[in-house]
Amino acid sequence: MKMFRVVVNGNEYKVEIEELAEGQPSPASSAPKPAAAPKATPQAAPAAGGTITAPMPGTILNVSVAVGDKVEQGQVLLVLEAMKMENEIMAPAAGVVEQVNAAQGQSVNAGETLVVLSA
């Protein structure tokens, strides 16, 4: 075994390194084996309609729908600016717009209801 001093980002570490001869099997690692990745739980498909809430605080830049409009799954309902990024809020399922609780220029908090859809 050889002892070395290693400096990483200004932190000093003492490291022991074992030199192996060619063809000599390496010793079993004492490092713990990584845990198995958790199994993904299946997500339920969104019900037709529902309440669309703000995923984060921000400012409404544009509202693309009005009460009574028919929307398709994935259609942009409004644009929310958060952290200098424009986030398109899309319909999770096809439906009819029942309520629009957001207006251009309005500040919203995370979890605040923006649009309500019905089947």
PDB file of N, CA and C in Angstrom:
ATOM      1  N   MET A   1       0.850  -1.177   0.000  1.00  0.00           N
ATOM      2  CA  MET A   1       0.000   0.000   0.000  1.00  0.00           C
ATOM      3  C   MET A   1       0.894   1.237   0.000  1.00  0.00           C
ATOM      4  N   LYS A   2       0.480   2.191  -0.783  1.00  0.00           N
ATOM      5  CA  LYS A   2       1.182   3.470  -0.805  1.00  0.00           C
ATOM      6  C   LYS A   2       0.216   4.538  -0.353  1.00  0.00           C
ATOM      7  N   MET A   3       0.694   5.478   0.431  1.00  0.00           N
ATOM      8  CA  MET A   3      -0.115   6.564   0.957  1.00  0.00           C
ATOM      9  C   MET A   3       0.166   7.815   0.132  1.00  0.00           C
ATOM     10  N   PHE A   4      -0.901   8.492  -0.303  1.00  0.00           N
ATOM     11  CA  PHE A   4      -0.784   9.714  -1.084  1.00  0.00           C
ATOM     12  C   PHE A   4      -1.615  10.808  -0.436  1.00  0.00           C
ATOM     13  N   ARG A   5      -1.171  12.043  -0.657  1.00  0.00           N
ATOM     14  CA  ARG A   5      -1.931  13.211  -0.218  1.00  0.00           C
ATOM     15  C   ARG A   5      -2.518  13.818  -1.480  1.00  0.00           C
ATOM     16  N   VAL A   6      -3.858  13.994  -1.481  1.00  0.00           N
ATOM     17  CA  VAL A   6      -4.561  14.531  -2.643  1.00  0.00           C
ATOM     18  C   VAL A   6      -5.304  15.786  -2.208  1.00  0.00           C
ATOM     19  N   VAL A   7      -5.185  16.845  -3.007  1.00  0.00           N
ATOM     20  CA  VAL A   7      -5.891  18.086  -2.724  1.00  0.00           C
ATOM     21  C   VAL A   7      -6.937  18.287  -3.815  1.00  0.00           C
ATOM     22  N   VAL A   8      -8.219  18.399  -3.402  1.00  0.00           N
ATOM     23  CA  VAL A   8      -9.330  18.600  -4.334  1.00  0.00           C
ATOM     24  C   VAL A   8     -10.111  19.825  -3.875  1.00  0.00           C
ATOM     25  N   ASN A   9     -10.177  20.838  -4.739  1.00  0.00           N
ATOM     26  CA  ASN A   9     -10.888  22.085  -4.427  1.00  0.00           C
ATOM     27  C   ASN A   9     -10.443  22.670  -3.089  1.00  0.00           C
ATOM     28  N   GLY A  10      -9.172  22.596  -2.813  1.00  0.00           N
ATOM     29  CA  GLY A  10      -8.640  23.174  -1.589  1.00  0.00           C
ATOM     30  C   GLY A  10      -8.773  22.278  -0.370  1.00  0.00           C
ATOM     31  N   ASN A  11      -9.412  21.119  -0.492  1.00  0.00           N
ATOM     32  CA  ASN A  11      -9.544  20.169   0.621  1.00  0.00           C
ATOM     33  C   ASN A  11      -8.503  19.076   0.471  1.00  0.00           C
ATOM     34  N   GLU A  12      -7.813  18.777   1.567  1.00  0.00           N
ATOM     35  CA  GLU A  12      -6.753  17.769   1.543  1.00  0.00           C
ATOM     36  C   GLU A  12      -7.293  16.427   2.018  1.00  0.00           C
ATOM     37  N   TYR A  13      -6.945  15.369   1.266  1.00  0.00           N
ATOM     38  CA  TYR A  13      -7.361  14.015   1.612  1.00  0.00           C
ATOM     39  C   TYR A  13      -6.140  13.106   1.601  1.00  0.00           C
ATOM     40  N   LYS A  14      -6.102  12.146   2.522  1.00  0.00           N
ATOM     41  CA  LYS A  14      -5.065  11.119   2.525  1.00  0.00           C
ATOM     42  C   LYS A  14      -5.681   9.866   1.930  1.00  0.00           C
ATOM     43  N   VAL A  15      -4.989   9.307   0.920  1.00  0.00           N
ATOM     44  CA  VAL A  15      -5.528   8.182   0.183  1.00  0.00           C
ATOM     45  C   VAL A  15      -4.509   7.058   0.163  1.00  0.00           C
ATOM     46  N   GLU A  16      -4.950   5.832   0.439  1.00  0.00           N
ATOM     47  CA  GLU A  16      -4.096   4.655   0.320  1.00  0.00           C
ATOM     48  C   GLU A  16      -4.433   3.960  -0.980  1.00  0.00           C
ATOM     49  N   ILE A  17      -3.394   3.602  -1.731  1.00  0.00           N
ATOM     50  CA  ILE A  17      -3.591   2.919  -2.994  1.00  0.00           C
ATOM     51  C   ILE A  17      -2.763   1.645  -2.992  1.00  0.00           C
ATOM     52  N   GLU A  18      -3.415   0.545  -3.372  1.00  0.00           N
ATOM     53  CA  GLU A  18      -2.740  -0.745  -3.447  1.00  0.00           C
ATOM     54  C   GLU A  18      -2.375  -0.998  -4.895  1.00  0.00           C
ATOM     55  N   GLU A  19      -1.118  -1.325  -5.133  1.00  0.00           N
ATOM     56  CA  GLU A  19      -0.661  -1.609  -6.477  1.00  0.00           C
ATOM     57  C   GLU A  19      -0.815  -3.102  -6.720  1.00  0.00           C
ATOM     58  N   LEU A  20      -1.498  -3.456  -7.800  1.00  0.00           N
ATOM     59  CA  LEU A  20      -1.735  -4.856  -8.126  1.00  0.00           C
ATOM     60  C   LEU A  20      -0.811  -5.280  -9.251  1.00  0.00           C
ATOM     61  N   ALA A  21      -0.360  -6.517  -9.174  1.00  0.00           N
ATOM     62  CA  ALA A  21       0.460  -7.066 -10.246  1.00  0.00           C
ATOM     63  C   ALA A  21      -0.455  -7.431 -11.407  1.00  0.00           C
ATOM     64  N   GLU A  22       0.098  -7.420 -12.620  1.00  0.00           N
ATOM     65  CA  GLU A  22      -0.688  -7.759 -13.807  1.00  0.00           C
ATOM     66  C   GLU A  22      -1.240  -9.168 -13.673  1.00  0.00           C
ATOM     67  N   GLY A  23      -2.535  -9.328 -13.953  1.00  0.00           N
ATOM     68  CA  GLY A  23      -3.170 -10.632 -13.896  1.00  0.00           C
ATOM     69  C   GLY A  23      -3.672 -11.001 -12.513  1.00  0.00           C
ATOM     70  N   GLN A  24      -3.323 -10.224 -11.516  1.00  0.00           N
ATOM     71  CA  GLN A  24      -3.783 -10.488 -10.146  1.00  0.00           C
ATOM     72  C   GLN A  24      -5.221  -9.995 -10.029  1.00  0.00           C
ATOM     73  N   PRO A  25      -6.127 -10.855  -9.515  1.00  0.00           N
ATOM     74  CA  PRO A  25      -7.515 -10.418  -9.393  1.00  0.00           C
ATOM     75  C   PRO A  25      -7.643  -9.282  -8.381  1.00  0.00           C
ATOM     76  N   SER A  26      -8.541  -8.367  -8.675  1.00  0.00           N
ATOM     77  CA  SER A  26      -8.735  -7.249  -7.751  1.00  0.00           C
ATOM     78  C   SER A  26      -9.539  -7.722  -6.551  1.00  0.00           C
ATOM     79  N   PRO A  27      -9.257  -7.175  -5.379  1.00  0.00           N
ATOM     80  CA  PRO A  27     -10.003  -7.577  -4.184  1.00  0.00           C
ATOM     81  C   PRO A  27     -11.458  -7.146  -4.306  1.00  0.00           C
ATOM     82  N   ALA A  28     -12.332  -7.860  -3.603  1.00  0.00           N
ATOM     83  CA  ALA A  28     -13.754  -7.526  -3.619  1.00  0.00           C
ATOM     84  C   ALA A  28     -13.937  -6.125  -3.072  1.00  0.00           C
ATOM     85  N   SER A  29     -14.791  -5.387  -3.727  1.00  0.00           N
ATOM     86  CA  SER A  29     -15.055  -4.012  -3.307  1.00  0.00           C
ATOM     87  C   SER A  29     -15.833  -4.005  -2.003  1.00  0.00           C
ATOM     88  N   SER A  30     -15.472  -3.086  -1.120  1.00  0.00           N
ATOM     89  CA  SER A  30     -16.200  -2.961   0.139  1.00  0.00           C
ATOM     90  C   SER A  30     -17.288  -1.890   0.041  1.00  0.00           C
ATOM     91  N   ALA A  31     -17.388  -1.267  -1.145  1.00  0.00           N
ATOM     92  CA  ALA A  31     -18.417  -0.238  -1.328  1.00  0.00           C
ATOM     93  C   ALA A  31     -19.792  -0.898  -1.351  1.00  0.00           C
ATOM     94  N   PRO A  32     -20.780  -0.251  -0.750  1.00  0.00           N
ATOM     95  CA  PRO A  32     -22.124  -0.835  -0.759  1.00  0.00           C
ATOM     96  C   PRO A  32     -22.688  -0.858  -2.172  1.00  0.00           C
ATOM     97  N   LYS A  33     -23.478  -1.886  -2.459  1.00  0.00           N
ATOM     98  CA  LYS A  33     -24.113  -1.988  -3.758  1.00  0.00           C
ATOM     99  C   LYS A  33     -25.249  -0.972  -3.825  1.00  0.00           C
ATOM    100  N   PRO A  34     -25.447  -0.364  -4.993  1.00  0.00           N
ATOM    101  CA  PRO A  34     -26.543   0.612  -5.086  1.00  0.00           C
ATOM    102  C   PRO A  34     -27.880  -0.087  -4.908  1.00  0.00           C
ATOM    103  N   ALA A  35     -28.799   0.609  -4.269  1.00  0.00           N
ATOM    104  CA  ALA A  35     -30.135   0.070  -4.048  1.00  0.00           C
ATOM    105  C   ALA A  35     -30.870   0.004  -5.379  1.00  0.00           C
ATOM    106  N   ALA A  36     -31.757  -0.939  -5.495  1.00  0.00           N
ATOM    107  CA  ALA A  36     -32.543  -1.074  -6.710  1.00  0.00           C
ATOM    108  C   ALA A  36     -33.414   0.168  -6.860  1.00  0.00           C
ATOM    109  N   ALA A  37     -33.577   0.600  -8.097  1.00  0.00           N
ATOM    110  CA  ALA A  37     -34.397   1.790  -8.351  1.00  0.00           C
ATOM    111  C   ALA A  37     -35.835   1.492  -7.977  1.00  0.00           C
ATOM    112  N   PRO A  38     -36.515   2.453  -7.352  1.00  0.00           N
ATOM    113  CA  PRO A  38     -37.909   2.212  -6.985  1.00  0.00           C
ATOM    114  C   PRO A  38     -38.749   2.030  -8.235  1.00  0.00           C
ATOM    115  N   LYS A  39     -39.712   1.147  -8.156  1.00  0.00           N
ATOM    116  CA  LYS A  39     -40.590   0.904  -9.293  1.00  0.00           C
ATOM    117  C   LYS A  39     -41.545   2.072  -9.437  1.00  0.00           C
ATOM    118  N   ALA A  40     -41.740   2.494 -10.680  1.00  0.00           N
ATOM    119  CA  ALA A  40     -42.650   3.612 -10.937  1.00  0.00           C
ATOM    120  C   ALA A  40     -44.083   3.147 -10.715  1.00  0.00           C
ATOM    121  N   THR A  41     -44.824   3.977 -10.004  1.00  0.00           N
ATOM    122  CA  THR A  41     -46.226   3.648  -9.795  1.00  0.00           C
ATOM    123  C   THR A  41     -47.006   4.202 -10.967  1.00  0.00           C
ATOM    124  N   PRO A  42     -47.894   3.413 -11.529  1.00  0.00           N
ATOM    125  CA  PRO A  42     -48.650   3.906 -12.683  1.00  0.00           C
ATOM    126  C   PRO A  42     -49.523   5.083 -12.297  1.00  0.00           C
ATOM    127  N   GLN A  43     -49.520   6.088 -13.136  1.00  0.00           N
ATOM    128  CA  GLN A  43     -50.324   7.283 -12.900  1.00  0.00           C
ATOM    129  C   GLN A  43     -51.685   7.093 -13.570  1.00  0.00           C
ATOM    130  N   ALA A  44     -52.722   7.471 -12.868  1.00  0.00           N
ATOM    131  CA  ALA A  44     -54.063   7.395 -13.438  1.00  0.00           C
ATOM    132  C   ALA A  44     -54.194   8.446 -14.527  1.00  0.00           C
ATOM    133  N   ALA A  45     -54.881   8.106 -15.580  1.00  0.00           N
ATOM    134  CA  ALA A  45     -55.119   9.071 -16.653  1.00  0.00           C
ATOM    135  C   ALA A  45     -56.018  10.170 -16.122  1.00  0.00           C
ATOM    136  N   PRO A  46     -55.790  11.416 -16.518  1.00  0.00           N
ATOM    137  CA  PRO A  46     -56.624  12.490 -16.008  1.00  0.00           C
ATOM    138  C   PRO A  46     -58.063  12.304 -16.464  1.00  0.00           C
ATOM    139  N   ALA A  47     -58.971  12.599 -15.569  1.00  0.00           N
ATOM    140  CA  ALA A  47     -60.392  12.505 -15.909  1.00  0.00           C
ATOM    141  C   ALA A  47     -60.725  13.599 -16.903  1.00  0.00           C
ATOM    142  N   ALA A  48     -61.751  13.377 -17.693  1.00  0.00           N
ATOM    143  CA  ALA A  48     -62.165  14.410 -18.636  1.00  0.00           C
ATOM    144  C   ALA A  48     -62.577  15.626 -17.827  1.00  0.00           C
ATOM    145  N   GLY A  49     -61.962  16.733 -18.100  1.00  0.00           N
ATOM    146  CA  GLY A  49     -62.271  17.951 -17.352  1.00  0.00           C
ATOM    147  C   GLY A  49     -61.457  18.026 -16.081  1.00  0.00           C
ATOM    148  N   GLY A  50     -61.833  18.936 -15.213  1.00  0.00           N
ATOM    149  CA  GLY A  50     -61.140  19.088 -13.949  1.00  0.00           C
ATOM    150  C   GLY A  50     -60.652  20.497 -13.741  1.00  0.00           C
ATOM    151  N   THR A  51     -59.945  20.663 -12.644  1.00  0.00           N
ATOM    152  CA  THR A  51     -59.428  21.971 -12.270  1.00  0.00           C
ATOM    153  C   THR A  51     -57.954  22.056 -12.634  1.00  0.00           C
ATOM    154  N   ILE A  52     -57.571  23.093 -13.336  1.00  0.00           N
ATOM    155  CA  ILE A  52     -56.167  23.321 -13.690  1.00  0.00           C
ATOM    156  C   ILE A  52     -55.653  24.404 -12.756  1.00  0.00           C
ATOM    157  N   THR A  53     -54.601  24.062 -12.009  1.00  0.00           N
ATOM    158  CA  THR A  53     -54.040  24.996 -11.031  1.00  0.00           C
ATOM    159  C   THR A  53     -52.654  25.453 -11.463  1.00  0.00           C
ATOM    160  N   ALA A  54     -52.218  26.552 -10.891  1.00  0.00           N
ATOM    161  CA  ALA A  54     -50.886  27.079 -11.181  1.00  0.00           C
ATOM    162  C   ALA A  54     -49.842  26.149 -10.562  1.00  0.00           C
ATOM    163  N   PRO A  55     -48.891  25.658 -11.365  1.00  0.00           N
ATOM    164  CA  PRO A  55     -47.866  24.765 -10.831  1.00  0.00           C
ATOM    165  C   PRO A  55     -46.807  25.501 -10.015  1.00  0.00           C
ATOM    166  N   MET A  56     -46.746  26.824 -10.173  1.00  0.00           N
ATOM    167  CA  MET A  56     -45.752  27.647  -9.484  1.00  0.00           C
ATOM    168  C   MET A  56     -46.241  29.084  -9.471  1.00  0.00           C
ATOM    169  N   PRO A  57     -45.700  29.910  -8.597  1.00  0.00           N
ATOM    170  CA  PRO A  57     -46.104  31.318  -8.617  1.00  0.00           C
ATOM    171  C   PRO A  57     -45.572  32.007  -9.872  1.00  0.00           C
ATOM    172  N   GLY A  58     -46.333  32.973 -10.375  1.00  0.00           N
ATOM    173  CA  GLY A  58     -45.894  33.691 -11.566  1.00  0.00           C
ATOM    174  C   GLY A  58     -46.919  34.713 -12.005  1.00  0.00           C
ATOM    175  N   THR A  59     -46.765  35.177 -13.246  1.00  0.00           N
ATOM    176  CA  THR A  59     -47.644  36.190 -13.824  1.00  0.00           C
ATOM    177  C   THR A  59     -48.256  35.635 -15.106  1.00  0.00           C
ATOM    178  N   ILE A  60     -49.548  35.825 -15.282  1.00  0.00           N
ATOM    179  CA  ILE A  60     -50.241  35.367 -16.484  1.00  0.00           C
ATOM    180  C   ILE A  60     -49.879  36.303 -17.631  1.00  0.00           C
ATOM    181  N   LEU A  61     -49.300  35.756 -18.697  1.00  0.00           N
ATOM    182  CA  LEU A  61     -48.934  36.557 -19.862  1.00  0.00           C
ATOM    183  C   LEU A  61     -50.040  36.571 -20.906  1.00  0.00           C
ATOM    184  N   ASN A  62     -50.757  35.444 -21.033  1.00  0.00           N
ATOM    185  CA  ASN A  62     -51.755  35.342 -22.090  1.00  0.00           C
ATOM    186  C   ASN A  62     -52.785  34.291 -21.702  1.00  0.00           C
ATOM    187  N   VAL A  63     -54.059  34.585 -21.910  1.00  0.00           N
ATOM    188  CA  VAL A  63     -55.130  33.620 -21.700  1.00  0.00           C
ATOM    189  C   VAL A  63     -55.701  33.316 -23.084  1.00  0.00           C
ATOM    190  N   SER A  64     -55.667  32.042 -23.485  1.00  0.00           N
ATOM    191  CA  SER A  64     -56.055  31.653 -24.843  1.00  0.00           C
ATOM    192  C   SER A  64     -57.473  31.102 -24.951  1.00  0.00           C
ATOM    193  N   VAL A  65     -58.180  30.969 -23.832  1.00  0.00           N
ATOM    194  CA  VAL A  65     -59.529  30.386 -23.858  1.00  0.00           C
ATOM    195  C   VAL A  65     -60.508  31.299 -23.127  1.00  0.00           C
ATOM    196  N   ALA A  66     -61.789  31.057 -23.394  1.00  0.00           N
ATOM    197  CA  ALA A  66     -62.865  31.788 -22.723  1.00  0.00           C
ATOM    198  C   ALA A  66     -63.916  30.772 -22.290  1.00  0.00           C
ATOM    199  N   VAL A  67     -64.797  31.176 -21.398  1.00  0.00           N
ATOM    200  CA  VAL A  67     -65.865  30.304 -20.925  1.00  0.00           C
ATOM    201  C   VAL A  67     -66.687  29.830 -22.125  1.00  0.00           C
ATOM    202  N   GLY A  68     -66.952  28.520 -22.176  1.00  0.00           N
ATOM    203  CA  GLY A  68     -67.742  27.938 -23.256  1.00  0.00           C
ATOM    204  C   GLY A  68     -66.908  27.352 -24.383  1.00  0.00           C
ATOM    205  N   ASP A  69     -65.616  27.665 -24.434  1.00  0.00           N
ATOM    206  CA  ASP A  69     -64.751  27.123 -25.486  1.00  0.00           C
ATOM    207  C   ASP A  69     -64.564  25.624 -25.310  1.00  0.00           C
ATOM    208  N   LYS A  70     -64.542  24.890 -26.429  1.00  0.00           N
ATOM    209  CA  LYS A  70     -64.204  23.469 -26.405  1.00  0.00           C
ATOM    210  C   LYS A  70     -62.703  23.363 -26.593  1.00  0.00           C
ATOM    211  N   VAL A  71     -62.048  22.554 -25.759  1.00  0.00           N
ATOM    212  CA  VAL A  71     -60.599  22.389 -25.848  1.00  0.00           C
ATOM    213  C   VAL A  71     -60.265  20.915 -26.026  1.00  0.00           C
ATOM    214  N   GLU A  72     -59.136  20.669 -26.664  1.00  0.00           N
ATOM    215  CA  GLU A  72     -58.618  19.312 -26.866  1.00  0.00           C
ATOM    216  C   GLU A  72     -57.476  19.064 -25.884  1.00  0.00           C
ATOM    217  N   GLN A  73     -57.204  17.804 -25.619  1.00  0.00           N
ATOM    218  CA  GLN A  73     -56.095  17.457 -24.743  1.00  0.00           C
ATOM    219  C   GLN A  73     -54.807  18.026 -25.324  1.00  0.00           C
ATOM    220  N   GLY A  74     -54.015  18.693 -24.475  1.00  0.00           N
ATOM    221  CA  GLY A  74     -52.746  19.267 -24.901  1.00  0.00           C
ATOM    222  C   GLY A  74     -52.846  20.675 -25.460  1.00  0.00           C
ATOM    223  N   GLN A  75     -54.049  21.195 -25.613  1.00  0.00           N
ATOM    224  CA  GLN A  75     -54.230  22.563 -26.124  1.00  0.00           C
ATOM    225  C   GLN A  75     -53.760  23.561 -25.069  1.00  0.00           C
ATOM    226  N   VAL A  76     -53.068  24.608 -25.504  1.00  0.00           N
ATOM    227  CA  VAL A  76     -52.583  25.637 -24.584  1.00  0.00           C
ATOM    228  C   VAL A  76     -53.764  26.467 -24.093  1.00  0.00           C
ATOM    229  N   LEU A  77     -53.926  26.543 -22.773  1.00  0.00           N
ATOM    230  CA  LEU A  77     -55.004  27.321 -22.163  1.00  0.00           C
ATOM    231  C   LEU A  77     -54.529  28.724 -21.827  1.00  0.00           C
ATOM    232  N   LEU A  78     -53.300  28.805 -21.297  1.00  0.00           N
ATOM    233  CA  LEU A  78     -52.732  30.099 -20.947  1.00  0.00           C
ATOM    234  C   LEU A  78     -51.230  29.976 -20.818  1.00  0.00           C
ATOM    235  N   VAL A  79     -50.564  31.121 -20.745  1.00  0.00           N
ATOM    236  CA  VAL A  79     -49.111  31.155 -20.594  1.00  0.00           C
ATOM    237  C   VAL A  79     -48.796  31.828 -19.272  1.00  0.00           C
ATOM    238  N   LEU A  80     -47.987  31.143 -18.444  1.00  0.00           N
ATOM    239  CA  LEU A  80     -47.595  31.627 -17.123  1.00  0.00           C
ATOM    240  C   LEU A  80     -46.099  31.909 -17.131  1.00  0.00           C
ATOM    241  N   GLU A  81     -45.722  33.145 -16.807  1.00  0.00           N
ATOM    242  CA  GLU A  81     -44.308  33.482 -16.710  1.00  0.00           C
ATOM    243  C   GLU A  81     -43.859  33.278 -15.269  1.00  0.00           C
ATOM    244  N   ALA A  82     -42.815  32.479 -15.104  1.00  0.00           N
ATOM    245  CA  ALA A  82     -42.242  32.233 -13.784  1.00  0.00           C
ATOM    246  C   ALA A  82     -40.737  32.138 -13.943  1.00  0.00           C
ATOM    247  N   MET A  83     -39.998  32.836 -13.123  1.00  0.00           N
ATOM    248  CA  MET A  83     -38.535  32.842 -13.153  1.00  0.00           C
ATOM    249  C   MET A  83     -38.011  33.171 -14.554  1.00  0.00           C
ATOM    250  N   LYS A  84     -38.626  34.151 -15.192  1.00  0.00           N
ATOM    251  CA  LYS A  84     -38.253  34.654 -16.511  1.00  0.00           C
ATOM    252  C   LYS A  84     -38.399  33.604 -17.608  1.00  0.00           C
ATOM    253  N   MET A  85     -39.251  32.598 -17.363  1.00  0.00           N
ATOM    254  CA  MET A  85     -39.520  31.583 -18.370  1.00  0.00           C
ATOM    255  C   MET A  85     -41.020  31.533 -18.640  1.00  0.00           C
ATOM    256  N   GLU A  86     -41.384  31.354 -19.894  1.00  0.00           N
ATOM    257  CA  GLU A  86     -42.789  31.243 -20.260  1.00  0.00           C
ATOM    258  C   GLU A  86     -43.188  29.769 -20.216  1.00  0.00           C
ATOM    259  N   ASN A  87     -44.204  29.451 -19.398  1.00  0.00           N
ATOM    260  CA  ASN A  87     -44.678  28.083 -19.235  1.00  0.00           C
ATOM    261  C   ASN A  87     -46.085  27.970 -19.800  1.00  0.00           C
ATOM    262  N   GLU A  88     -46.252  27.101 -20.783  1.00  0.00           N
ATOM    263  CA  GLU A  88     -47.571  26.891 -21.371  1.00  0.00           C
ATOM    264  C   GLU A  88     -48.355  25.941 -20.472  1.00  0.00           C
ATOM    265  N   ILE A  89     -49.513  26.363 -20.037  1.00  0.00           N
ATOM    266  CA  ILE A  89     -50.400  25.522 -19.234  1.00  0.00           C
ATOM    267  C   ILE A  89     -51.398  24.906 -20.209  1.00  0.00           C
ATOM    268  N   MET A  90     -51.373  23.570 -20.307  1.00  0.00           N
ATOM    269  CA  MET A  90     -52.168  22.862 -21.308  1.00  0.00           C
ATOM    270  C   MET A  90     -53.309  22.080 -20.686  1.00  0.00           C
ATOM    271  N   ALA A  91     -54.309  21.818 -21.497  1.00  0.00           N
ATOM    272  CA  ALA A  91     -55.468  21.040 -21.053  1.00  0.00           C
ATOM    273  C   ALA A  91     -55.040  19.586 -20.847  1.00  0.00           C
ATOM    274  N   PRO A  92     -55.324  19.017 -19.663  1.00  0.00           N
ATOM    275  CA  PRO A  92     -54.952  17.624 -19.411  1.00  0.00           C
ATOM    276  C   PRO A  92     -55.860  16.651 -20.151  1.00  0.00           C
ATOM    277  N   ALA A  93     -57.039  17.111 -20.574  1.00  0.00           N
ATOM    278  CA  ALA A  93     -58.000  16.277 -21.295  1.00  0.00           C
ATOM    279  C   ALA A  93     -58.926  17.189 -22.090  1.00  0.00           C
ATOM    280  N   ALA A  94     -59.635  16.600 -23.042  1.00  0.00           N
ATOM    281  CA  ALA A  94     -60.606  17.371 -23.818  1.00  0.00           C
ATOM    282  C   ALA A  94     -61.779  17.743 -22.924  1.00  0.00           C
ATOM    283  N   GLY A  95     -62.387  18.878 -23.197  1.00  0.00           N
ATOM    284  CA  GLY A  95     -63.534  19.302 -22.412  1.00  0.00           C
ATOM    285  C   GLY A  95     -64.020  20.678 -22.825  1.00  0.00           C
ATOM    286  N   VAL A  96     -64.892  21.234 -21.997  1.00  0.00           N
ATOM    287  CA  VAL A  96     -65.448  22.568 -22.229  1.00  0.00           C
ATOM    288  C   VAL A  96     -65.020  23.451 -21.064  1.00  0.00           C
ATOM    289  N   VAL A  97     -64.598  24.680 -21.372  1.00  0.00           N
ATOM    290  CA  VAL A  97     -64.160  25.616 -20.340  1.00  0.00           C
ATOM    291  C   VAL A  97     -65.378  26.094 -19.556  1.00  0.00           C
ATOM    292  N   GLU A  98     -65.411  25.802 -18.255  1.00  0.00           N
ATOM    293  CA  GLU A  98     -66.506  26.230 -17.369  1.00  0.00           C
ATOM    294  C   GLU A  98     -66.178  27.553 -16.685  1.00  0.00           C
ATOM    295  N   GLN A  99     -64.921  27.723 -16.266  1.00  0.00           N
ATOM    296  CA  GLN A  99     -64.497  28.950 -15.579  1.00  0.00           C
ATOM    297  C   GLN A  99     -63.094  29.319 -16.026  1.00  0.00           C
ATOM    298  N   VAL A 100     -62.825  30.616 -16.087  1.00  0.00           N
ATOM    299  CA  VAL A 100     -61.476  31.128 -16.306  1.00  0.00           C
ATOM    300  C   VAL A 100     -61.224  32.091 -15.154  1.00  0.00           C
ATOM    301  N   ASN A 101     -60.328  31.716 -14.261  1.00  0.00           N
ATOM    302  CA  ASN A 101     -60.057  32.511 -13.056  1.00  0.00           C
ATOM    303  C   ASN A 101     -58.754  33.285 -13.156  1.00  0.00           C
ATOM    304  N   ALA A 102     -58.236  33.467 -14.367  1.00  0.00           N
ATOM    305  CA  ALA A 102     -56.974  34.171 -14.556  1.00  0.00           C
ATOM    306  C   ALA A 102     -57.146  35.205 -15.659  1.00  0.00           C
ATOM    307  N   ALA A 103     -56.443  36.306 -15.510  1.00  0.00           N
ATOM    308  CA  ALA A 103     -56.479  37.368 -16.521  1.00  0.00           C
ATOM    309  C   ALA A 103     -55.050  37.798 -16.834  1.00  0.00           C
ATOM    310  N   GLN A 104     -54.845  38.321 -18.037  1.00  0.00           N
ATOM    311  CA  GLN A 104     -53.525  38.775 -18.444  1.00  0.00           C
ATOM    312  C   GLN A 104     -52.991  39.797 -17.443  1.00  0.00           C
ATOM    313  N   GLY A 105     -51.745  39.613 -17.011  1.00  0.00           N
ATOM    314  CA  GLY A 105     -51.096  40.523 -16.075  1.00  0.00           C
ATOM    315  C   GLY A 105     -51.312  40.168 -14.614  1.00  0.00           C
ATOM    316  N   GLN A 106     -52.193  39.216 -14.341  1.00  0.00           N
ATOM    317  CA  GLN A 106     -52.491  38.822 -12.957  1.00  0.00           C
ATOM    318  C   GLN A 106     -51.353  37.982 -12.379  1.00  0.00           C
ATOM    319  N   SER A 107     -51.008  38.244 -11.123  1.00  0.00           N
ATOM    320  CA  SER A 107     -50.043  37.407 -10.402  1.00  0.00           C
ATOM    321  C   SER A 107     -50.801  36.287  -9.721  1.00  0.00           C
ATOM    322  N   VAL A 108     -50.245  35.070  -9.809  1.00  0.00           N
ATOM    323  CA  VAL A 108     -50.894  33.913  -9.189  1.00  0.00           C
ATOM    324  C   VAL A 108     -49.893  33.182  -8.302  1.00  0.00           C
ATOM    325  N   ASN A 109     -50.430  32.473  -7.324  1.00  0.00           N
ATOM    326  CA  ASN A 109     -49.612  31.656  -6.430  1.00  0.00           C
ATOM    327  C   ASN A 109     -49.721  30.197  -6.833  1.00  0.00           C
ATOM    328  N   ALA A 110     -48.763  29.391  -6.434  1.00  0.00           N
ATOM    329  CA  ALA A 110     -48.795  27.958  -6.712  1.00  0.00           C
ATOM    330  C   ALA A 110     -50.052  27.357  -6.125  1.00  0.00           C
ATOM    331  N   GLY A 111     -50.752  26.519  -6.888  1.00  0.00           N
ATOM    332  CA  GLY A 111     -51.956  25.859  -6.422  1.00  0.00           C
ATOM    333  C   GLY A 111     -53.237  26.640  -6.644  1.00  0.00           C
ATOM    334  N   GLU A 112     -53.128  27.871  -7.098  1.00  0.00           N
ATOM    335  CA  GLU A 112     -54.314  28.692  -7.345  1.00  0.00           C
ATOM    336  C   GLU A 112     -55.037  28.189  -8.600  1.00  0.00           C
ATOM    337  N   THR A 113     -56.369  28.122  -8.532  1.00  0.00           N
ATOM    338  CA  THR A 113     -57.163  27.648  -9.655  1.00  0.00           C
ATOM    339  C   THR A 113     -57.110  28.662 -10.792  1.00  0.00           C
ATOM    340  N   LEU A 114     -56.759  28.161 -11.994  1.00  0.00           N
ATOM    341  CA  LEU A 114     -56.662  29.014 -13.173  1.00  0.00           C
ATOM    342  C   LEU A 114     -57.858  28.812 -14.101  1.00  0.00           C
ATOM    343  N   VAL A 115     -58.145  27.538 -14.407  1.00  0.00           N
ATOM    344  CA  VAL A 115     -59.215  27.198 -15.334  1.00  0.00           C
ATOM    345  C   VAL A 115     -59.939  25.953 -14.824  1.00  0.00           C
ATOM    346  N   VAL A 116     -61.259  25.904 -15.028  1.00  0.00           N
ATOM    347  CA  VAL A 116     -62.043  24.723 -14.684  1.00  0.00           C
ATOM    348  C   VAL A 116     -62.659  24.185 -15.966  1.00  0.00           C
ATOM    349  N   LEU A 117     -62.431  22.888 -16.233  1.00  0.00           N
ATOM    350  CA  LEU A 117     -62.983  22.228 -17.417  1.00  0.00           C
ATOM    351  C   LEU A 117     -64.036  21.221 -17.003  1.00  0.00           C
ATOM    352  N   SER A 118     -64.997  20.979 -17.881  1.00  0.00           N
ATOM    353  CA  SER A 118     -65.970  19.916 -17.651  1.00  0.00           C
ATOM    354  C   SER A 118     -65.940  18.999 -18.865  1.00  0.00           C
ATOM    355  N   ALA A 119     -66.448  17.805 -18.685  1.00  0.00           N
ATOM    356  CA  ALA A 119     -66.418  16.800 -19.768  1.00  0.00           C
ATOM    357  C   ALA A 119     -67.296  17.187 -20.922  1.00  0.00           C
TER     358      ALA A 119
END
